[in-house]
């Protein structure tokens, strides 16, 4: 969606930051100060020393995350460094708060060294309930997330990977329901083999897709592709079952679903004619989609969605990541895995009213008040079922607590 640059600059200048810290305890006198600081902080500190899990009870850790970036892959900007990344990372913290009631701290690191970032996150983890990795270049982002999973006992979400994958899978679930098709029968082409494309392919395979083809800038990921990083090589072994080679024109032949996670304008309308009948087009590139929805529909696409606002079937990550993190925090999960992401995607897809479900309505509205609570509930219960939750909560409690936090009223839906 186009914006007025002058208005954007003035908004940021006036706000001087999109989030702030405010006290949960008031101090009116010396007794208040003694209870809140010293010596009042001593008893909970001693209790935490005996049992570190009590840090979730006596501090804000249980609802605190860090959004961590090195500024190496800021959406739409590229490698701009830590300071220039700060407005974007503050914006993500704002979305976590507004859509998930999660207290998020923006952290932009002045190092793009993988080991430095892992080391920092490891040292910072005792102050946090979770970490969100944001706008760090691939394949480094995969290395960081994988390594942190083995080093720390709080969940690590990567919005670029997991948030996008959940959104895409939710949209595909509903698109296939509209068309009466099965995921296992679909040939799916993903254009873009960065963080989002690789994570989306992995989640599709976990969901039951059997024919996924992924392309990077050098073409289809296969043994003949000369420019693949180690993560792309791993994915190449699990995808492209027909052993195709070449570029997008070769990959798209007979495909049922095209997923664009690359750059704007790279999908020419004539390629839609080479797809299978009633193709689904998810053109997710930002700020401009791989193909404009009206052009795709005119060329024969049956269902079209995009990654941002301003178009029908918008699929922004605000529908997924805040709810995912909320669910993880509420059960004090120690890890985020594929089954939790699958639960999130299914829950998000089910938010759409079945009476409205159709080619023009496969996703909830961007400001749908059901999305985050239902995703949070699904993720939390999946973490409990998987054995990765350290706090059991009754069914429905996560949903109702988040609804009340966001909208100020209790609604029992479970």
Protein backbone atom coordinates (compact mmCIF):
# COMPACT_ATOMS: atom_id res chain seq x y z
CA UNK A 1 0.00 0.00 0.00
CA UNK A 2 1.56 3.35 -1.04
CA UNK A 3 2.19 5.82 1.77
CA UNK A 4 3.08 9.49 1.98
CA UNK A 5 6.82 9.68 2.77
CA UNK A 6 6.49 13.05 4.47
CA UNK A 7 3.72 11.81 6.74
CA UNK A 8 5.76 8.74 7.63
CA UNK A 9 8.78 10.86 8.57
CA UNK A 10 6.65 13.23 10.64
CA UNK A 11 4.94 10.34 12.45
CA UNK A 12 8.26 8.81 13.48
CA UNK A 13 9.71 12.17 14.47
CA UNK A 14 6.73 13.00 16.66
CA UNK A 15 6.47 9.57 18.30
CA UNK A 16 10.22 9.19 18.94
CA UNK A 17 9.79 5.45 19.08
CA UNK A 18 6.81 3.14 18.69
CA UNK A 19 6.97 1.47 22.09
CA UNK A 20 7.71 2.61 25.64
CA UNK A 21 8.37 1.18 29.10
CA UNK A 22 5.95 1.98 31.89
CA UNK A 23 5.80 0.84 35.54
CA UNK A 24 3.48 -1.84 36.85
CA UNK A 25 4.10 -0.75 40.45
CA UNK A 26 3.70 2.79 41.80
CA UNK A 27 6.04 4.26 44.41
CA UNK A 28 4.49 6.93 46.65
CA UNK A 29 6.63 6.67 49.77
CA UNK A 30 9.67 5.04 51.34
CA UNK A 31 7.78 1.86 52.21
CA UNK A 32 6.69 1.44 48.60
CA UNK A 33 10.28 1.92 47.46
CA UNK A 34 11.58 -0.58 49.99
CA UNK A 35 9.08 -3.21 48.86
CA UNK A 36 9.61 -2.65 45.15
CA UNK A 37 13.40 -2.31 45.18
CA UNK A 38 15.72 -2.97 48.13
CA UNK A 39 15.21 -4.89 50.37
CA UNK A 40 11.91 -6.00 48.82
CA UNK A 41 13.60 -7.55 45.79
CA UNK A 42 15.71 -9.84 47.98
CA UNK A 43 13.09 -12.53 48.83
CA UNK A 44 12.10 -13.15 45.18
CA UNK A 45 15.77 -13.12 44.16
CA UNK A 46 16.56 -15.81 46.71
CA UNK A 47 13.57 -17.85 45.56
CA UNK A 48 14.74 -17.61 41.94
CA UNK A 49 18.27 -18.59 42.98
CA UNK A 50 16.82 -21.86 44.31
CA UNK A 51 14.51 -22.39 41.34
CA UNK A 52 15.18 -20.37 38.16
CA UNK A 53 11.70 -21.21 36.92
CA UNK A 54 10.34 -18.82 39.53
CA UNK A 55 11.74 -15.96 37.42
CA UNK A 56 8.58 -16.35 35.35
CA UNK A 57 6.46 -15.82 38.46
CA UNK A 58 8.27 -12.92 40.15
CA UNK A 59 9.43 -10.85 37.14
CA UNK A 60 8.18 -9.75 33.73
CA UNK A 61 10.18 -12.46 31.99
CA UNK A 62 7.13 -14.54 31.12
CA UNK A 63 5.74 -11.87 28.81
CA UNK A 64 9.01 -10.40 27.55
CA UNK A 65 10.74 -11.17 24.27
CA UNK A 66 13.53 -9.60 22.26
CA UNK A 67 13.19 -8.90 18.55
CA UNK A 68 16.77 -9.32 17.39
CA UNK A 69 18.25 -8.18 14.09
CA UNK A 70 21.60 -7.32 12.58
CA UNK A 71 20.03 -5.25 9.81
CA UNK A 72 21.44 -7.53 7.11
CA UNK A 73 18.15 -8.29 5.30
CA UNK A 74 15.59 -5.62 6.13
CA UNK A 75 12.46 -6.11 4.06
CA UNK A 76 12.51 -3.97 0.95
CA UNK A 77 15.82 -2.34 1.91
CA UNK A 78 18.47 -5.06 2.13
CA UNK A 79 21.59 -4.74 4.25
CA UNK A 80 21.15 -1.36 5.95
CA UNK A 81 22.88 -2.10 9.26
CA UNK A 82 21.61 -1.93 12.84
CA UNK A 83 20.68 1.75 13.19
CA UNK A 84 18.71 1.94 9.96
CA UNK A 85 16.95 -1.31 10.87
CA UNK A 86 15.69 0.13 14.16
CA UNK A 87 12.46 1.75 12.83
CA UNK A 88 11.45 -1.58 11.29
CA UNK A 89 12.34 -3.61 14.38
CA UNK A 90 10.50 -1.14 16.64
CA UNK A 91 7.53 -1.55 14.30
CA UNK A 92 7.61 -5.32 14.75
CA UNK A 93 7.68 -4.84 18.53
CA UNK A 94 4.61 -2.63 18.21
CA UNK A 95 2.77 -5.36 16.29
CA UNK A 96 3.65 -8.00 18.88
CA UNK A 97 2.12 -5.76 21.55
CA UNK A 98 -0.99 -4.65 19.67
CA UNK A 99 -1.86 -8.05 18.20
CA UNK A 100 -0.53 -10.40 20.88
CA UNK A 101 -0.10 -8.33 24.06
CA UNK A 102 3.56 -9.38 24.07
CA UNK A 103 6.15 -7.01 25.55
CA UNK A 104 8.89 -6.90 22.92
CA UNK A 105 12.28 -5.19 23.13
CA UNK A 106 13.96 -4.05 19.88
CA UNK A 107 17.59 -5.17 19.72
CA UNK A 108 19.71 -4.23 16.69
CA UNK A 109 23.21 -5.66 16.95
CA UNK A 110 26.33 -4.02 15.57
CA UNK A 111 27.67 -7.31 14.28
CA UNK A 112 26.70 -9.53 11.37
CA UNK A 113 28.84 -12.40 12.59
CA UNK A 114 26.80 -15.54 13.19
CA UNK A 115 28.71 -16.60 16.30
CA UNK A 116 28.38 -13.11 17.80
CA UNK A 117 24.61 -13.14 17.37
CA UNK A 118 24.26 -16.63 18.82
CA UNK A 119 26.48 -15.70 21.75
CA UNK A 120 24.48 -12.55 22.47
CA UNK A 121 21.14 -14.37 22.36
CA UNK A 122 22.47 -17.07 24.65
CA UNK A 123 23.62 -14.50 27.21
CA UNK A 124 20.37 -12.52 26.98
CA UNK A 125 18.04 -15.54 27.25
CA UNK A 126 17.70 -15.58 31.09
CA UNK A 127 15.90 -12.22 30.88
CA UNK A 128 13.40 -13.39 28.27
CA UNK A 129 10.47 -15.71 27.69
CA UNK A 130 11.20 -15.97 23.98
CA UNK A 131 13.23 -14.58 21.08
CA UNK A 132 12.12 -13.44 17.65
CA UNK A 133 14.83 -13.38 14.98
CA UNK A 134 14.06 -10.68 12.43
CA UNK A 135 15.54 -9.46 9.15
CA UNK A 136 18.77 -11.46 9.33
CA UNK A 137 20.04 -12.70 5.98
CA UNK A 138 19.68 -16.31 4.87
CA UNK A 139 21.26 -18.83 5.36
CA UNK A 140 22.66 -17.24 8.52
CA UNK A 141 19.19 -16.96 10.01
CA UNK A 142 18.74 -20.76 9.81
CA UNK A 143 22.08 -21.39 11.48
CA UNK A 144 21.18 -19.00 14.30
CA UNK A 145 17.74 -20.49 14.94
CA UNK A 146 19.01 -24.08 14.85
CA UNK A 147 21.94 -23.39 17.14
CA UNK A 148 19.86 -21.46 19.66
CA UNK A 149 17.39 -24.34 19.90
CA UNK A 150 20.18 -26.50 21.24
CA UNK A 151 21.59 -23.86 23.59
CA UNK A 152 18.68 -22.14 25.32
CA UNK A 153 15.42 -23.33 26.86
CA UNK A 154 13.11 -20.63 25.54
CA UNK A 155 11.39 -20.70 22.13
CA UNK A 156 12.99 -19.02 19.13
CA UNK A 157 10.58 -17.73 16.51
CA UNK A 158 11.75 -16.30 13.21
CA UNK A 159 8.99 -14.19 11.71
CA UNK A 160 10.60 -14.27 8.27
CA UNK A 161 10.64 -18.07 8.35
CA UNK A 162 7.85 -19.30 10.58
CA UNK A 163 5.38 -16.43 10.39
CA UNK A 164 5.42 -16.48 6.60
CA UNK A 165 5.21 -20.28 6.36
CA UNK A 166 2.14 -20.38 8.61
CA UNK A 167 0.39 -17.64 6.64
CA UNK A 168 1.05 -19.39 3.32
CA UNK A 169 -0.06 -22.80 4.56
CA UNK A 170 -3.25 -21.36 6.06
CA UNK A 171 -4.07 -19.74 2.73
CA UNK A 172 -3.40 -22.98 0.86
CA UNK A 173 -5.57 -24.99 3.26
CA UNK A 174 -8.51 -22.72 2.50
CA UNK A 175 -7.82 -22.39 -1.22
CA UNK A 176 -7.80 -26.17 -1.57
CA UNK A 177 -10.99 -26.46 0.48
CA UNK A 178 -12.67 -24.04 -1.92
CA UNK A 179 -11.49 -26.10 -4.89
CA UNK A 180 -12.10 -29.53 -3.36
CA UNK A 181 -8.49 -30.58 -3.85
CA UNK A 182 -5.94 -32.39 -1.68
CA UNK A 183 -2.52 -31.02 -0.75
CA UNK A 184 -0.77 -34.28 -1.58
CA UNK A 185 -2.02 -34.06 -5.19
CA UNK A 186 -0.76 -30.53 -5.80
CA UNK A 187 2.35 -29.52 -7.69
CA UNK A 188 3.62 -26.44 -5.88
CA UNK A 189 6.24 -24.00 -7.17
CA UNK A 190 7.97 -21.62 -4.76
CA UNK A 191 9.93 -18.78 -6.35
CA UNK A 192 12.44 -17.61 -3.76
CA UNK A 193 14.80 -19.71 -1.66
CA UNK A 194 15.58 -17.31 1.15
CA UNK A 195 14.36 -17.59 4.72
CA UNK A 196 10.66 -17.43 3.83
CA UNK A 197 10.82 -19.72 0.81
CA UNK A 198 12.81 -22.46 2.50
CA UNK A 199 10.72 -22.43 5.69
CA UNK A 200 7.51 -22.49 3.64
CA UNK A 201 8.71 -25.47 1.63
CA UNK A 202 9.67 -27.33 4.81
CA UNK A 203 6.26 -26.71 6.40
CA UNK A 204 4.41 -27.74 3.23
CA UNK A 205 6.31 -31.03 3.23
CA UNK A 206 5.44 -31.57 6.90
CA UNK A 207 1.79 -30.87 6.07
CA UNK A 208 1.74 -33.62 3.42
CA UNK A 209 2.75 -31.95 0.15
CA UNK A 210 4.58 -34.40 -2.09
CA UNK A 211 5.58 -32.32 -5.12
CA UNK A 212 7.30 -29.05 -4.23
CA UNK A 213 9.74 -27.25 -6.51
CA UNK A 214 11.81 -24.34 -5.18
CA UNK A 215 13.82 -21.83 -7.18
CA UNK A 216 16.60 -19.42 -6.27
CA UNK A 217 18.10 -16.76 -8.54
CA UNK A 218 19.93 -19.48 -10.50
CA UNK A 219 16.89 -21.65 -11.12
CA UNK A 220 15.39 -24.81 -9.69
CA UNK A 221 17.12 -26.21 -6.63
CA UNK A 222 18.73 -29.42 -7.84
CA UNK A 223 22.16 -31.03 -8.01
CA UNK A 224 23.01 -29.03 -11.15
CA UNK A 225 22.29 -25.63 -9.61
CA UNK A 226 25.71 -23.94 -9.22
CA UNK A 227 24.68 -21.39 -6.60
CA UNK A 228 23.15 -23.07 -3.57
CA UNK A 229 24.03 -22.49 0.07
CA UNK A 230 24.04 -25.36 2.55
CA UNK A 231 20.38 -24.91 3.52
CA UNK A 232 19.27 -24.86 -0.11
CA UNK A 233 21.29 -28.02 -0.77
CA UNK A 234 19.49 -29.75 2.09
CA UNK A 235 16.13 -28.69 0.66
CA UNK A 236 17.07 -29.78 -2.86
CA UNK A 237 17.33 -33.35 -1.61
CA UNK A 238 13.70 -33.29 -0.41
CA UNK A 239 12.03 -31.41 -3.27
CA UNK A 240 11.70 -31.49 -7.07
CA UNK A 241 10.65 -35.17 -7.33
CA UNK A 242 10.32 -34.89 -11.13
CA UNK A 243 14.01 -33.86 -11.34
CA UNK A 244 13.28 -30.75 -13.36
CA UNK A 245 15.97 -28.23 -14.22
CA UNK A 246 15.99 -24.71 -15.57
CA UNK A 247 14.19 -21.56 -14.58
CA UNK A 248 10.67 -20.55 -13.62
CA UNK A 249 9.33 -21.29 -17.10
CA UNK A 250 10.34 -24.93 -16.71
CA UNK A 251 9.21 -25.27 -13.11
CA UNK A 252 5.75 -23.80 -13.64
CA UNK A 253 4.64 -26.28 -16.32
CA UNK A 254 1.56 -28.08 -14.99
CA UNK A 255 1.79 -26.52 -11.52
CA UNK A 256 -1.37 -26.07 -9.45
CA UNK A 257 0.01 -23.49 -7.00
CA UNK A 258 2.55 -20.70 -7.40
CA UNK A 259 4.03 -19.13 -4.26
CA UNK A 260 6.06 -16.00 -4.81
CA UNK A 261 8.52 -15.13 -2.05
CA UNK A 262 10.96 -13.21 -4.19
CA UNK A 263 10.67 -9.79 -5.83
CA UNK A 264 7.94 -7.79 -7.52
CA UNK A 265 7.01 -8.26 -11.15
CA UNK A 266 8.96 -11.47 -11.82
CA UNK A 267 5.95 -13.64 -12.77
CA UNK A 268 4.78 -12.83 -16.32
CA UNK A 269 1.10 -13.38 -17.07
CA UNK A 270 1.83 -15.83 -19.87
CA UNK A 271 3.17 -18.37 -17.37
CA UNK A 272 -0.31 -18.76 -15.87
CA UNK A 273 -1.42 -20.32 -19.18
CA UNK A 274 1.19 -23.04 -18.63
CA UNK A 275 -0.14 -24.01 -15.21
CA UNK A 276 -2.78 -26.62 -14.46
CA UNK A 277 -6.43 -25.59 -14.63
CA UNK A 278 -7.75 -23.15 -12.00
CA UNK A 279 -4.32 -22.27 -10.60
CA UNK A 280 -3.75 -20.66 -7.20
CA UNK A 281 -1.38 -17.68 -7.13
CA UNK A 282 0.09 -16.46 -3.85
CA UNK A 283 2.19 -13.44 -4.86
CA UNK A 284 3.76 -12.57 -1.52
CA UNK A 285 6.62 -10.20 -2.45
CA UNK A 286 6.64 -6.82 -0.71
CA UNK A 287 6.10 -4.01 -1.36
CA UNK A 288 5.07 -5.11 -4.87
CA UNK A 289 3.76 -8.62 -5.66
CA UNK A 290 5.29 -10.89 -8.30
CA UNK A 291 2.17 -10.31 -10.38
CA UNK A 292 -0.74 -7.94 -9.85
CA UNK A 293 -3.92 -9.76 -8.76
CA UNK A 294 -6.06 -8.27 -11.53
CA UNK A 295 -3.54 -9.40 -14.15
CA UNK A 296 -3.39 -12.90 -12.69
CA UNK A 297 -7.17 -13.25 -12.63
CA UNK A 298 -7.49 -11.94 -16.19
CA UNK A 299 -4.94 -14.55 -17.30
CA UNK A 300 -6.92 -17.40 -15.74
CA UNK A 301 -5.93 -17.67 -12.08
CA UNK A 302 -8.77 -19.00 -9.95
CA UNK A 303 -7.56 -17.72 -6.56
CA UNK A 304 -5.05 -14.93 -5.95
CA UNK A 305 -3.57 -13.62 -2.70
CA UNK A 306 -0.79 -11.17 -1.85
CA UNK A 307 1.53 -10.57 1.08
CA UNK A 308 0.40 -7.11 2.11
CA UNK A 309 -2.58 -4.80 2.50
CA UNK A 310 -4.31 -3.06 -0.37
CA UNK A 311 -5.33 -6.20 -2.24
CA UNK A 312 -7.98 -8.89 -1.84
CA UNK A 313 -6.85 -11.90 0.22
CA UNK A 314 -4.04 -10.01 1.96
CA UNK A 315 -1.71 -12.33 3.90
CA UNK A 316 0.44 -10.28 6.31
CA UNK A 317 2.46 -11.95 9.06
CA UNK A 318 0.55 -9.95 11.68
CA UNK A 319 -2.05 -12.70 11.38
CA UNK A 320 0.43 -15.34 12.52
CA UNK A 321 3.51 -14.32 14.51
CA UNK A 322 1.92 -12.42 17.45
CA UNK A 323 -0.45 -15.31 18.12
CA UNK A 324 2.31 -17.91 17.80
CA UNK A 325 4.49 -16.10 20.34
CA UNK A 326 1.55 -15.52 22.68
CA UNK A 327 0.77 -19.22 22.77
CA UNK A 328 4.41 -20.15 23.39
CA UNK A 329 4.73 -17.69 26.27
CA UNK A 330 1.50 -18.68 27.96
CA UNK A 331 2.57 -22.31 28.35
CA UNK A 332 6.24 -21.39 28.88
CA UNK A 333 7.29 -23.50 25.95
CA UNK A 334 10.95 -24.42 25.66
CA UNK A 335 10.97 -24.80 21.88
CA UNK A 336 8.95 -24.11 18.73
CA UNK A 337 8.56 -27.04 16.33
CA UNK A 338 6.79 -27.90 13.08
CA UNK A 339 3.75 -29.46 14.74
CA UNK A 340 3.07 -26.20 16.58
CA UNK A 341 3.36 -24.31 13.30
CA UNK A 342 0.98 -26.76 11.62
CA UNK A 343 -1.49 -26.20 14.45
CA UNK A 344 -1.16 -22.44 13.98
CA UNK A 345 -1.82 -22.70 10.24
CA UNK A 346 -4.87 -24.90 10.72
CA UNK A 347 -6.28 -22.58 13.40
CA UNK A 348 -5.71 -19.50 11.25
CA UNK A 349 -7.39 -21.12 8.26
CA UNK A 350 -10.38 -22.06 10.41
CA UNK A 351 -10.88 -18.44 11.50
CA UNK A 352 -12.46 -17.70 8.12
CA UNK A 353 -16.24 -18.05 8.33
CA UNK A 354 -17.15 -21.05 6.17
CA UNK A 355 -20.20 -19.14 4.93
CA UNK A 356 -17.86 -16.53 3.41
CA UNK A 357 -15.11 -18.89 2.26
CA UNK A 358 -14.52 -18.57 -1.47
CA UNK A 359 -12.00 -17.50 -4.12
CA UNK A 360 -12.09 -13.93 -2.84
CA UNK A 361 -12.00 -14.90 0.84
CA UNK A 362 -9.37 -17.45 1.85
CA UNK A 363 -7.81 -15.42 4.69
CA UNK A 364 -9.13 -13.53 7.72
CA UNK A 365 -9.17 -9.76 7.54
CA UNK A 366 -5.93 -8.10 8.67
CA UNK A 367 -7.62 -6.75 11.81
CA UNK A 368 -9.68 -9.86 12.52
CA UNK A 369 -10.10 -10.07 16.30
CA UNK A 370 -10.27 -13.87 16.23
CA UNK A 371 -6.93 -14.52 14.53
CA UNK A 372 -4.36 -14.03 17.30
CA UNK A 373 -6.41 -15.64 20.11
CA UNK A 374 -7.16 -18.74 18.04
CA UNK A 375 -3.57 -19.11 16.82
CA UNK A 376 -2.28 -18.63 20.36
CA UNK A 377 -4.66 -21.25 21.73
CA UNK A 378 -3.69 -23.77 19.06
CA UNK A 379 0.05 -23.26 19.51
CA UNK A 380 -0.15 -23.46 23.30
CA UNK A 381 -2.18 -26.66 23.27
CA UNK A 382 0.14 -28.17 20.65
CA UNK A 383 3.15 -27.37 22.84
CA UNK A 384 1.44 -29.10 25.78
CA UNK A 385 0.60 -32.14 23.65
CA UNK A 386 4.17 -32.30 22.31
CA UNK A 387 5.65 -32.20 25.82
CA UNK A 388 7.45 -28.89 25.32
CA UNK A 389 5.35 -26.83 27.73
CA UNK A 390 6.45 -26.26 31.31
CA UNK A 391 3.05 -24.86 32.29
CA UNK A 392 -0.21 -26.65 31.59
CA UNK A 393 -3.27 -24.47 31.01
CA UNK A 394 -6.88 -25.56 30.54
CA UNK A 395 -8.30 -25.56 27.05
CA UNK A 396 -9.65 -22.14 26.18
CA UNK A 397 -7.71 -20.19 28.79
CA UNK A 398 -5.10 -18.83 26.38
CA UNK A 399 -7.79 -17.71 23.95
CA UNK A 400 -9.90 -16.04 26.60
CA UNK A 401 -7.01 -14.34 28.38
CA UNK A 402 -5.70 -12.83 25.15
CA UNK A 403 -9.17 -11.76 24.06
CA UNK A 404 -9.66 -9.99 27.37
CA UNK A 405 -6.20 -8.35 27.16
CA UNK A 406 -6.80 -7.07 23.64
CA UNK A 407 -10.49 -6.25 23.71
CA UNK A 408 -11.38 -5.88 27.39
CA UNK A 409 -14.08 -8.46 27.75
CA UNK A 410 -14.32 -12.14 28.59
CA UNK A 411 -15.83 -14.35 25.91
CA UNK A 412 -15.93 -18.08 26.51
CA UNK A 413 -15.66 -19.89 23.20
CA UNK A 414 -14.21 -23.21 24.36
